[in-house]
Structure formats: structure tokens, C-alpha cells
Amino acid sequence: MSAPLESYLRTYRKRSGFSQDEVAFLLGSTSGAKVSRYEWLARQPTLPTVFAYEVIFRTPARDLFAGLYQKVEKETISRARLLARKLAQARARRTTPRKLAVLESLSSGLASPQLEQR
């Protein structure tokens, strides 16, 4: 299986039948040039713009930006493993077991134990 594209904004826009100018209007922008820059990865959208894209295309950001999400996920999991090793070697505190459980769930791809309790 090939690696996902960093962004699928153009794909979703084309499927919807919208022009870049029309998507720009929906995003609150005045020009389709900004949409073009997002689609061609010349510029990263702000968080409110990412949420607007979710609303417009009814698709989660992790799917719209699948390749970028995968890259960020991999880097974050790597840092979580490093932090877990540091915590395991440091003097244990009362919160250390809880932190290690959260970091382990990140590394294994499971939902965070803290989120499951809600």
C-alpha cells in the first residue's frame, strides 16, 4: 500500500464540485489563491480553517490531512516512548504510574486511559 498524500483537500474539493473561489468564500477568505496554497502545501491552514474544512467536506481533519497526520502521529509516538523511558529512570512520583499508562496507550495505539474514564 502506498503512503497517503499529505493533504486530500484538492480531492475533496473536486469531488464536491466547488471551485477554489467557492471554498475560499466558505472559509471566509476573499480569494481562491489561499485555497490553492493549502491544496499544494505551500501554506498550512490555521486551526479554525482546518475545522472549517471539516465542516465543508464532512470529513475529519485526520482524513483530509492523512499524510501529515500519519507523520505527526509517528513523531509523537516516538517522543512518548522517549518520555516513558525518562520517567521510568527518574525518581518515581505519585503521578508517574498514571503518566506511564497514558504514554503506553499512545505507544500501543489504544485510547488514552484518561479519556476512557470520562
Protein backbone atom coordinates (compact mmCIF):
# COMPACT_ATOMS: atom_id res chain seq x y z
CA MET A 1 0.00 0.00 0.00
CA SER A 2 1.37 3.43 -0.89
CA ALA A 3 1.84 6.20 1.63
CA PRO A 4 -1.07 8.63 1.94
CA LEU A 5 -0.82 12.09 0.46
CA GLU A 6 -0.05 14.82 2.97
CA SER A 7 -3.34 16.52 2.08
CA TYR A 8 -6.53 15.48 0.30
CA LEU A 9 -8.06 18.97 0.18
CA ARG A 10 -7.98 19.15 -3.62
CA THR A 11 -9.53 15.69 -3.92
CA TYR A 12 -12.43 16.56 -1.62
CA ARG A 13 -12.95 19.95 -3.28
CA LYS A 14 -13.06 18.36 -6.73
CA ARG A 15 -15.48 15.64 -5.54
CA SER A 16 -17.77 18.31 -4.12
CA GLY A 17 -17.72 20.26 -7.38
CA PHE A 18 -16.61 23.50 -5.72
CA SER A 19 -14.16 25.93 -7.27
CA GLN A 20 -11.26 27.27 -5.24
CA ASP A 21 -13.04 30.64 -5.05
CA GLU A 22 -16.20 28.99 -3.68
CA VAL A 23 -14.27 27.10 -1.00
CA ALA A 24 -12.42 30.33 -0.17
CA PHE A 25 -15.77 32.04 0.36
CA LEU A 26 -16.91 29.24 2.66
CA LEU A 27 -13.65 29.59 4.59
CA GLY A 28 -14.19 33.34 4.94
CA SER A 29 -11.41 34.25 2.55
CA THR A 30 -11.62 36.60 -0.40
CA SER A 31 -9.55 34.65 -2.91
CA GLY A 32 -9.13 31.11 -4.14
CA ALA A 33 -5.37 31.69 -4.17
CA LYS A 34 -5.23 30.85 -0.46
CA VAL A 35 -7.12 27.60 -1.10
CA SER A 36 -4.65 26.79 -3.86
CA ARG A 37 -1.75 27.33 -1.47
CA TYR A 38 -3.38 24.96 1.06
CA GLU A 39 -4.01 22.34 -1.62
CA TRP A 40 -0.44 22.46 -2.93
CA LEU A 41 1.07 22.54 0.57
CA ALA A 42 2.63 25.96 0.07
CA ARG A 43 0.87 27.10 3.24
CA GLN A 44 -0.56 25.33 6.29
CA PRO A 45 -4.09 26.31 7.30
CA THR A 46 -4.84 27.67 10.76
CA LEU A 47 -6.77 25.51 13.20
CA PRO A 48 -10.06 27.39 12.58
CA THR A 49 -9.53 26.85 8.84
CA VAL A 50 -8.94 23.13 9.40
CA PHE A 51 -12.21 22.95 11.33
CA ALA A 52 -13.98 24.84 8.54
CA TYR A 53 -12.68 22.27 6.06
CA GLU A 54 -14.10 19.53 8.31
CA VAL A 55 -17.48 21.25 8.25
CA ILE A 56 -17.43 21.87 4.49
CA PHE A 57 -16.41 18.35 3.49
CA ARG A 58 -17.94 16.50 6.48
CA THR A 59 -14.63 14.69 6.89
CA PRO A 60 -12.31 14.58 9.93
CA ALA A 61 -9.07 16.56 9.67
CA ARG A 62 -7.06 13.35 10.10
CA ASP A 63 -8.57 12.15 6.80
CA LEU A 64 -8.24 15.48 4.99
CA PHE A 65 -4.57 15.66 6.02
CA ALA A 66 -3.87 11.91 6.16
CA GLY A 67 -0.17 12.02 5.31
CA LEU A 68 0.51 14.90 7.65
CA TYR A 69 -1.49 13.19 10.40
CA GLN A 70 0.50 9.98 9.94
CA LYS A 71 3.79 11.90 10.15
CA VAL A 72 2.73 13.77 13.30
CA GLU A 73 1.40 10.57 14.88
CA LYS A 74 4.68 8.75 14.25
CA GLU A 75 6.76 11.62 15.69
CA THR A 76 4.50 11.97 18.74
CA ILE A 77 4.60 8.24 19.50
CA SER A 78 8.38 8.33 19.22
CA ARG A 79 8.54 11.20 21.73
CA ALA A 80 6.07 9.37 24.01
CA ARG A 81 8.37 6.34 24.10
CA LEU A 82 11.34 8.56 24.90
CA LEU A 83 9.43 10.32 27.70
CA ALA A 84 8.32 6.95 29.12
CA ARG A 85 11.95 5.82 29.29
CA LYS A 86 12.94 9.08 31.02
CA LEU A 87 10.11 8.76 33.56
CA ALA A 88 10.93 5.13 34.24
CA GLN A 89 14.55 6.04 35.02
CA ALA A 90 13.71 9.09 37.15
CA ARG A 91 12.66 9.03 40.77
CA ALA A 92 9.04 7.90 40.85
CA ARG A 93 6.40 10.37 41.88
CA ARG A 94 2.78 9.75 42.76
CA THR A 95 1.66 10.61 39.22
CA THR A 96 4.32 8.55 37.44
CA PRO A 97 2.22 5.36 37.06
CA ARG A 98 -0.65 7.34 35.54
CA LYS A 99 1.70 9.13 33.13
CA LEU A 100 3.32 5.85 32.12
CA ALA A 101 -0.11 4.31 31.47
CA VAL A 102 -1.07 7.20 29.18
CA LEU A 103 2.28 7.02 27.36
CA GLU A 104 1.94 3.24 26.97
CA SER A 105 -1.53 3.66 25.47
CA LEU A 106 -0.10 6.17 22.99
CA SER A 107 2.69 3.81 22.02
CA SER A 108 0.34 0.87 21.55
CA GLY A 109 -2.29 2.87 19.66
CA LEU A 110 -5.00 2.39 22.28
CA ALA A 111 -7.33 5.11 23.54
CA SER A 112 -5.96 7.10 26.45
CA PRO A 113 -6.96 5.63 29.84
CA GLN A 114 -7.86 9.14 30.99
CA LEU A 115 -10.28 9.58 28.10
CA GLU A 116 -11.92 6.19 28.72
CA GLN A 117 -12.86 7.25 32.24
CA ARG A 118 -15.00 10.18 31.04
